[in-house]
Amino acid sequence: FARYRDVASGRFTSSRDSAKNTVHLRMNSLQPG
């Protein structure tokens, strides 16, 4: 599971790729902030 702070909730999604020993963070609707 993953948890997201308010700044990320609804816009950011994190996922694992265990085969590549990697975690990703997908960030949508990015703003200057």
ModelCIF file with pLDDT and N, C-alpha, C, O atoms, coordinates in Angstrom:
data_MODEL
#
_entry.id   MODEL 
#
_entity.id                         1 
_entity.type                       polymer 
_entity.pdbx_number_of_molecules   1 
#
_entity_poly.entity_id                      1 
_entity_poly.type                           'polypeptide(L)' 
_entity_poly.nstd_linkage                   no 
_entity_poly.nstd_monomer                   no 
_entity_poly.pdbx_seq_one_letter_code       FARYRDVASGRFTSSRDSAKNTVHLRMNSLQPG 
_entity_poly.pdbx_seq_one_letter_code_can   FARYRDVASGRFTSSRDSAKNTVHLRMNSLQPG 
_entity_poly.pdbx_strand_id                 A 
#
loop_
_entity_poly_seq.entity_id 
_entity_poly_seq.num 
_entity_poly_seq.mon_id 
_entity_poly_seq.hetero 
1 1  PHE n 
1 2  ALA n 
1 3  ARG n 
1 4  TYR n 
1 5  ARG n 
1 6  ASP n 
1 7  VAL n 
1 8  ALA n 
1 9  SER n 
1 10 GLY n 
1 11 ARG n 
1 12 PHE n 
1 13 THR n 
1 14 SER n 
1 15 SER n 
1 16 ARG n 
1 17 ASP n 
1 18 SER n 
1 19 ALA n 
1 20 LYS n 
1 21 ASN n 
1 22 THR n 
1 23 VAL n 
1 24 HIS n 
1 25 LEU n 
1 26 ARG n 
1 27 MET n 
1 28 ASN n 
1 29 SER n 
1 30 LEU n 
1 31 GLN n 
1 32 PRO n 
1 33 GLY n 
#
_struct_asym.id          A 
_struct_asym.entity_id   1 
#
loop_
_ma_qa_metric.id 
_ma_qa_metric.mode 
_ma_qa_metric.name 
_ma_qa_metric.software_group_id 
_ma_qa_metric.type 
1 global pLDDT . pLDDT 
2 local  pLDDT . pLDDT 
#
_ma_qa_metric_global.metric_id      1 
_ma_qa_metric_global.metric_value   94.36 
_ma_qa_metric_global.model_id       1 
_ma_qa_metric_global.ordinal_id     1 
#
loop_
_ma_qa_metric_local.label_asym_id 
_ma_qa_metric_local.label_comp_id 
_ma_qa_metric_local.label_seq_id 
_ma_qa_metric_local.metric_id 
_ma_qa_metric_local.metric_value 
_ma_qa_metric_local.model_id 
_ma_qa_metric_local.ordinal_id 
A PHE 1  2 91.00 1 1  
A ALA 2  2 91.00 1 2  
A ARG 3  2 92.00 1 3  
A TYR 4  2 93.00 1 4  
A ARG 5  2 91.00 1 5  
A ASP 6  2 89.00 1 6  
A VAL 7  2 88.00 1 7  
A ALA 8  2 89.00 1 8  
A SER 9  2 85.00 1 9  
A GLY 10 2 91.00 1 10 
A ARG 11 2 96.00 1 11 
A PHE 12 2 97.00 1 12 
A THR 13 2 96.00 1 13 
A SER 14 2 95.00 1 14 
A SER 15 2 93.00 1 15 
A ARG 16 2 94.00 1 16 
A ASP 17 2 94.00 1 17 
A SER 18 2 92.00 1 18 
A ALA 19 2 95.00 1 19 
A LYS 20 2 97.00 1 20 
A ASN 21 2 97.00 1 21 
A THR 22 2 98.00 1 22 
A VAL 23 2 98.00 1 23 
A HIS 24 2 97.00 1 24 
A LEU 25 2 98.00 1 25 
A ARG 26 2 98.00 1 26 
A MET 27 2 98.00 1 27 
A ASN 28 2 98.00 1 28 
A SER 29 2 97.00 1 29 
A LEU 30 2 98.00 1 30 
A GLN 31 2 97.00 1 31 
A PRO 32 2 96.00 1 32 
A GLY 33 2 95.00 1 33 
#
loop_
_atom_site.group_PDB 
_atom_site.id 
_atom_site.type_symbol 
_atom_site.label_atom_id 
_atom_site.label_alt_id 
_atom_site.label_comp_id 
_atom_site.label_asym_id 
_atom_site.label_entity_id 
_atom_site.label_seq_id 
_atom_site.pdbx_PDB_ins_code 
_atom_site.Cartn_x 
_atom_site.Cartn_y 
_atom_site.Cartn_z 
_atom_site.occupancy 
_atom_site.B_iso_or_equiv 
_atom_site.pdbx_formal_charge 
_atom_site.auth_seq_id 
_atom_site.auth_comp_id 
_atom_site.auth_asym_id 
_atom_site.auth_atom_id 
_atom_site.pdbx_PDB_model_num 
ATOM 1   N N  . PHE A 1 1  ? 0.851  -1.175 0.000   1.00 91.00 ? 1  PHE A N  1 
ATOM 2   C CA . PHE A 1 1  ? 0.000  0.000  0.000   1.00 91.00 ? 1  PHE A CA 1 
ATOM 3   C C  . PHE A 1 1  ? 0.895  1.236  0.000   1.00 91.00 ? 1  PHE A C  1 
ATOM 4   O O  . PHE A 1 1  ? 2.099  1.150  0.238   1.00 91.00 ? 1  PHE A O  1 
ATOM 5   N N  . ALA A 1 2  ? 0.291  2.371  -0.267  1.00 91.00 ? 2  ALA A N  1 
ATOM 6   C CA . ALA A 1 2  ? 1.016  3.639  -0.265  1.00 91.00 ? 2  ALA A CA 1 
ATOM 7   C C  . ALA A 1 2  ? 0.141  4.703  0.374   1.00 91.00 ? 2  ALA A C  1 
ATOM 8   O O  . ALA A 1 2  ? -1.087 4.608  0.359   1.00 91.00 ? 2  ALA A O  1 
ATOM 9   N N  . ARG A 1 3  ? 0.770  5.688  0.919   1.00 92.00 ? 3  ARG A N  1 
ATOM 10  C CA . ARG A 1 3  ? 0.063  6.846  1.488   1.00 92.00 ? 3  ARG A CA 1 
ATOM 11  C C  . ARG A 1 3  ? 0.597  8.104  0.819   1.00 92.00 ? 3  ARG A C  1 
ATOM 12  O O  . ARG A 1 3  ? 1.768  8.179  0.448   1.00 92.00 ? 3  ARG A O  1 
ATOM 13  N N  . TYR A 1 4  ? -0.265 9.070  0.675   1.00 93.00 ? 4  TYR A N  1 
ATOM 14  C CA . TYR A 1 4  ? 0.087  10.311 0.009   1.00 93.00 ? 4  TYR A CA 1 
ATOM 15  C C  . TYR A 1 4  ? -0.284 11.487 0.883   1.00 93.00 ? 4  TYR A C  1 
ATOM 16  O O  . TYR A 1 4  ? -1.366 11.528 1.470   1.00 93.00 ? 4  TYR A O  1 
ATOM 17  N N  . ARG A 1 5  ? 0.623  12.443 0.962   1.00 91.00 ? 5  ARG A N  1 
ATOM 18  C CA . ARG A 1 5  ? 0.313  13.671 1.689   1.00 91.00 ? 5  ARG A CA 1 
ATOM 19  C C  . ARG A 1 5  ? -0.632 14.518 0.850   1.00 91.00 ? 5  ARG A C  1 
ATOM 20  O O  . ARG A 1 5  ? -0.825 14.260 -0.338  1.00 91.00 ? 5  ARG A O  1 
ATOM 21  N N  . ASP A 1 6  ? -1.215 15.525 1.476   1.00 89.00 ? 6  ASP A N  1 
ATOM 22  C CA . ASP A 1 6  ? -2.220 16.338 0.803   1.00 89.00 ? 6  ASP A CA 1 
ATOM 23  C C  . ASP A 1 6  ? -1.700 16.936 -0.505  1.00 89.00 ? 6  ASP A C  1 
ATOM 24  O O  . ASP A 1 6  ? -2.450 17.039 -1.476  1.00 89.00 ? 6  ASP A O  1 
ATOM 25  N N  . VAL A 1 7  ? -0.428 17.331 -0.539  1.00 88.00 ? 7  VAL A N  1 
ATOM 26  C CA . VAL A 1 7  ? 0.122  17.968 -1.744  1.00 88.00 ? 7  VAL A CA 1 
ATOM 27  C C  . VAL A 1 7  ? 0.131  17.013 -2.927  1.00 88.00 ? 7  VAL A C  1 
ATOM 28  O O  . VAL A 1 7  ? 0.177  17.442 -4.080  1.00 88.00 ? 7  VAL A O  1 
ATOM 29  N N  . ALA A 1 8  ? 0.087  15.709 -2.637  1.00 89.00 ? 8  ALA A N  1 
ATOM 30  C CA . ALA A 1 8  ? 0.190  14.720 -3.699  1.00 89.00 ? 8  ALA A CA 1 
ATOM 31  C C  . ALA A 1 8  ? -1.121 13.983 -3.950  1.00 89.00 ? 8  ALA A C  1 
ATOM 32  O O  . ALA A 1 8  ? -1.310 13.387 -5.011  1.00 89.00 ? 8  ALA A O  1 
ATOM 33  N N  . SER A 1 9  ? -2.012 14.024 -2.989  1.00 85.00 ? 9  SER A N  1 
ATOM 34  C CA . SER A 1 9  ? -3.227 13.205 -3.065  1.00 85.00 ? 9  SER A CA 1 
ATOM 35  C C  . SER A 1 9  ? -4.025 13.513 -4.320  1.00 85.00 ? 9  SER A C  1 
ATOM 36  O O  . SER A 1 9  ? -4.331 14.668 -4.617  1.00 85.00 ? 9  SER A O  1 
ATOM 37  N N  . GLY A 1 10 ? -4.355 12.450 -5.052  1.00 91.00 ? 10 GLY A N  1 
ATOM 38  C CA . GLY A 1 10 ? -5.149 12.603 -6.264  1.00 91.00 ? 10 GLY A CA 1 
ATOM 39  C C  . GLY A 1 10 ? -4.343 12.929 -7.500  1.00 91.00 ? 10 GLY A C  1 
ATOM 40  O O  . GLY A 1 10 ? -4.868 12.860 -8.611  1.00 91.00 ? 10 GLY A O  1 
ATOM 41  N N  . ARG A 1 11 ? -3.071 13.284 -7.336  1.00 96.00 ? 11 ARG A N  1 
ATOM 42  C CA . ARG A 1 11 ? -2.239 13.650 -8.489  1.00 96.00 ? 11 ARG A CA 1 
ATOM 43  C C  . ARG A 1 11 ? -1.040 12.719 -8.657  1.00 96.00 ? 11 ARG A C  1 
ATOM 44  O O  . ARG A 1 11 ? -0.607 12.458 -9.779  1.00 96.00 ? 11 ARG A O  1 
ATOM 45  N N  . PHE A 1 12 ? -0.511 12.225 -7.553  1.00 97.00 ? 12 PHE A N  1 
ATOM 46  C CA . PHE A 1 12 ? 0.694  11.403 -7.590  1.00 97.00 ? 12 PHE A CA 1 
ATOM 47  C C  . PHE A 1 12 ? 0.335  9.957  -7.266  1.00 97.00 ? 12 PHE A C  1 
ATOM 48  O O  . PHE A 1 12 ? -0.535 9.689  -6.437  1.00 97.00 ? 12 PHE A O  1 
ATOM 49  N N  . THR A 1 13 ? 1.015  9.037  -7.928  1.00 96.00 ? 13 THR A N  1 
ATOM 50  C CA . THR A 1 13 ? 0.821  7.615  -7.667  1.00 96.00 ? 13 THR A CA 1 
ATOM 51  C C  . THR A 1 13 ? 2.179  6.925  -7.662  1.00 96.00 ? 13 THR A C  1 
ATOM 52  O O  . THR A 1 13 ? 2.987  7.113  -8.572  1.00 96.00 ? 13 THR A O  1 
ATOM 53  N N  . SER A 1 14 ? 2.416  6.142  -6.647  1.00 95.00 ? 14 SER A N  1 
ATOM 54  C CA . SER A 1 14 ? 3.672  5.419  -6.570  1.00 95.00 ? 14 SER A CA 1 
ATOM 55  C C  . SER A 1 14 ? 3.430  3.937  -6.815  1.00 95.00 ? 14 SER A C  1 
ATOM 56  O O  . SER A 1 14 ? 2.405  3.393  -6.405  1.00 95.00 ? 14 SER A O  1 
ATOM 57  N N  . SER A 1 15 ? 4.365  3.294  -7.477  1.00 93.00 ? 15 SER A N  1 
ATOM 58  C CA . SER A 1 15 ? 4.233  1.875  -7.783  1.00 93.00 ? 15 SER A CA 1 
ATOM 59  C C  . SER A 1 15 ? 5.600  1.217  -7.714  1.00 93.00 ? 15 SER A C  1 
ATOM 60  O O  . SER A 1 15 ? 6.636  1.868  -7.852  1.00 93.00 ? 15 SER A O  1 
ATOM 61  N N  . ARG A 1 16 ? 5.574  -0.080 -7.498  1.00 94.00 ? 16 ARG A N  1 
ATOM 62  C CA . ARG A 1 16 ? 6.818  -0.849 -7.435  1.00 94.00 ? 16 ARG A CA 1 
ATOM 63  C C  . ARG A 1 16 ? 7.005  -1.687 -8.691  1.00 94.00 ? 16 ARG A C  1 
ATOM 64  O O  . ARG A 1 16 ? 6.042  -2.187 -9.272  1.00 94.00 ? 16 ARG A O  1 
ATOM 65  N N  . ASP A 1 17 ? 8.238  -1.828 -9.092  1.00 94.00 ? 17 ASP A N  1 
ATOM 66  C CA . ASP A 1 17 ? 8.641  -2.781 -10.126 1.00 94.00 ? 17 ASP A CA 1 
ATOM 67  C C  . ASP A 1 17 ? 9.741  -3.632 -9.500  1.00 94.00 ? 17 ASP A C  1 
ATOM 68  O O  . ASP A 1 17 ? 10.932 -3.357 -9.646  1.00 94.00 ? 17 ASP A O  1 
ATOM 69  N N  . SER A 1 18 ? 9.307  -4.662 -8.808  1.00 92.00 ? 18 SER A N  1 
ATOM 70  C CA . SER A 1 18 ? 10.263 -5.466 -8.040  1.00 92.00 ? 18 SER A CA 1 
ATOM 71  C C  . SER A 1 18 ? 11.267 -6.163 -8.941  1.00 92.00 ? 18 SER A C  1 
ATOM 72  O O  . SER A 1 18 ? 12.405 -6.398 -8.535  1.00 92.00 ? 18 SER A O  1 
ATOM 73  N N  . ALA A 1 19 ? 10.859 -6.498 -10.160 1.00 95.00 ? 19 ALA A N  1 
ATOM 74  C CA . ALA A 1 19 ? 11.786 -7.157 -11.088 1.00 95.00 ? 19 ALA A CA 1 
ATOM 75  C C  . ALA A 1 19 ? 12.977 -6.264 -11.407 1.00 95.00 ? 19 ALA A C  1 
ATOM 76  O O  . ALA A 1 19 ? 14.076 -6.748 -11.678 1.00 95.00 ? 19 ALA A O  1 
ATOM 77  N N  . LYS A 1 20 ? 12.744 -4.935 -11.372 1.00 97.00 ? 20 LYS A N  1 
ATOM 78  C CA . LYS A 1 20 ? 13.813 -3.971 -11.651 1.00 97.00 ? 20 LYS A CA 1 
ATOM 79  C C  . LYS A 1 20 ? 14.349 -3.332 -10.384 1.00 97.00 ? 20 LYS A C  1 
ATOM 80  O O  . LYS A 1 20 ? 15.173 -2.419 -10.438 1.00 97.00 ? 20 LYS A O  1 
ATOM 81  N N  . ASN A 1 21 ? 13.868 -3.826 -9.217  1.00 97.00 ? 21 ASN A N  1 
ATOM 82  C CA . ASN A 1 21 ? 14.332 -3.283 -7.936  1.00 97.00 ? 21 ASN A CA 1 
ATOM 83  C C  . ASN A 1 21 ? 14.141 -1.777 -7.883  1.00 97.00 ? 21 ASN A C  1 
ATOM 84  O O  . ASN A 1 21 ? 15.025 -1.035 -7.455  1.00 97.00 ? 21 ASN A O  1 
ATOM 85  N N  . THR A 1 22 ? 12.973 -1.345 -8.326  1.00 98.00 ? 22 THR A N  1 
ATOM 86  C CA . THR A 1 22 ? 12.705 0.080  -8.539  1.00 98.00 ? 22 THR A CA 1 
ATOM 87  C C  . THR A 1 22 ? 11.320 0.452  -8.018  1.00 98.00 ? 22 THR A C  1 
ATOM 88  O O  . THR A 1 22 ? 10.393 -0.358 -8.039  1.00 98.00 ? 22 THR A O  1 
ATOM 89  N N  . VAL A 1 23 ? 11.203 1.682  -7.556  1.00 98.00 ? 23 VAL A N  1 
ATOM 90  C CA . VAL A 1 23 ? 9.908  2.271  -7.223  1.00 98.00 ? 23 VAL A CA 1 
ATOM 91  C C  . VAL A 1 23 ? 9.736  3.511  -8.088  1.00 98.00 ? 23 VAL A C  1 
ATOM 92  O O  . VAL A 1 23 ? 10.685 4.265  -8.305  1.00 98.00 ? 23 VAL A O  1 
ATOM 93  N N  . HIS A 1 24 ? 8.526  3.715  -8.575  1.00 97.00 ? 24 HIS A N  1 
ATOM 94  C CA . HIS A 1 24 ? 8.226  4.861  -9.429  1.00 97.00 ? 24 HIS A CA 1 
ATOM 95  C C  . HIS A 1 24 ? 7.292  5.826  -8.719  1.00 97.00 ? 24 HIS A C  1 
ATOM 96  O O  . HIS A 1 24 ? 6.550  5.437  -7.817  1.00 97.00 ? 24 HIS A O  1 
ATOM 97  N N  . LEU A 1 25 ? 7.333  7.070  -9.126  1.00 98.00 ? 25 LEU A N  1 
ATOM 98  C CA . LEU A 1 25 ? 6.370  8.071  -8.679  1.00 98.00 ? 25 LEU A CA 1 
ATOM 99  C C  . LEU A 1 25 ? 5.844  8.769  -9.915  1.00 98.00 ? 25 LEU A C  1 
ATOM 100 O O  . LEU A 1 25 ? 6.560  9.537  -10.557 1.00 98.00 ? 25 LEU A O  1 
ATOM 101 N N  . ARG A 1 26 ? 4.611  8.504  -10.242 1.00 98.00 ? 26 ARG A N  1 
ATOM 102 C CA . ARG A 1 26 ? 3.965  9.150  -11.372 1.00 98.00 ? 26 ARG A CA 1 
ATOM 103 C C  . ARG A 1 26 ? 3.304  10.429 -10.868 1.00 98.00 ? 26 ARG A C  1 
ATOM 104 O O  . ARG A 1 26 ? 2.498  10.387 -9.938  1.00 98.00 ? 26 ARG A O  1 
ATOM 105 N N  . MET A 1 27 ? 3.639  11.553 -11.472 1.00 98.00 ? 27 MET A N  1 
ATOM 106 C CA . MET A 1 27 ? 3.118  12.841 -11.039 1.00 98.00 ? 27 MET A CA 1 
ATOM 107 C C  . MET A 1 27 ? 2.338  13.473 -12.179 1.00 98.00 ? 27 MET A C  1 
ATOM 108 O O  . MET A 1 27 ? 2.892  13.748 -13.243 1.00 98.00 ? 27 MET A O  1 
ATOM 109 N N  . ASN A 1 28 ? 1.052  13.703 -11.952 1.00 98.00 ? 28 ASN A N  1 
ATOM 110 C CA . ASN A 1 28 ? 0.178  14.326 -12.945 1.00 98.00 ? 28 ASN A CA 1 
ATOM 111 C C  . ASN A 1 28 ? -0.245 15.722 -12.489 1.00 98.00 ? 28 ASN A C  1 
ATOM 112 O O  . ASN A 1 28 ? -0.093 16.078 -11.320 1.00 98.00 ? 28 ASN A O  1 
ATOM 113 N N  . SER A 1 29 ? -0.767 16.487 -13.406 1.00 97.00 ? 29 SER A N  1 
ATOM 114 C CA . SER A 1 29 ? -1.293 17.829 -13.113 1.00 97.00 ? 29 SER A CA 1 
ATOM 115 C C  . SER A 1 29 ? -0.275 18.660 -12.338 1.00 97.00 ? 29 SER A C  1 
ATOM 116 O O  . SER A 1 29 ? -0.620 19.308 -11.349 1.00 97.00 ? 29 SER A O  1 
ATOM 117 N N  . LEU A 1 30 ? 0.948  18.640 -12.777 1.00 98.00 ? 30 LEU A N  1 
ATOM 118 C CA . LEU A 1 30 ? 2.002  19.361 -12.075 1.00 98.00 ? 30 LEU A CA 1 
ATOM 119 C C  . LEU A 1 30 ? 1.796  20.866 -12.168 1.00 98.00 ? 30 LEU A C  1 
ATOM 120 O O  . LEU A 1 30 ? 1.339  21.387 -13.185 1.00 98.00 ? 30 LEU A O  1 
ATOM 121 N N  . GLN A 1 31 ? 2.141  21.546 -11.088 1.00 97.00 ? 31 GLN A N  1 
ATOM 122 C CA . GLN A 1 31 ? 1.997  22.991 -10.995 1.00 97.00 ? 31 GLN A CA 1 
ATOM 123 C C  . GLN A 1 31 ? 3.336  23.604 -10.581 1.00 97.00 ? 31 GLN A C  1 
ATOM 124 O O  . GLN A 1 31 ? 4.206  22.901 -10.067 1.00 97.00 ? 31 GLN A O  1 
ATOM 125 N N  . PRO A 1 32 ? 3.505  24.899 -10.799 1.00 96.00 ? 32 PRO A N  1 
ATOM 126 C CA . PRO A 1 32 ? 4.778  25.531 -10.407 1.00 96.00 ? 32 PRO A CA 1 
ATOM 127 C C  . PRO A 1 32 ? 5.156  25.269 -8.954  1.00 96.00 ? 32 PRO A C  1 
ATOM 128 O O  . PRO A 1 32 ? 6.341  25.199 -8.628  1.00 96.00 ? 32 PRO A O  1 
ATOM 129 N N  . GLY A 1 33 ? 4.172  25.126 -8.085  1.00 95.00 ? 33 GLY A N  1 
ATOM 130 C CA . GLY A 1 33 ? 4.455  24.843 -6.685  1.00 95.00 ? 33 GLY A CA 1 
ATOM 131 C C  . GLY A 1 33 ? 5.066  23.481 -6.437  1.00 95.00 ? 33 GLY A C  1 
ATOM 132 O O  . GLY A 1 33 ? 5.348  23.130 -5.291  1.00 95.00 ? 33 GLY A O  1 
#
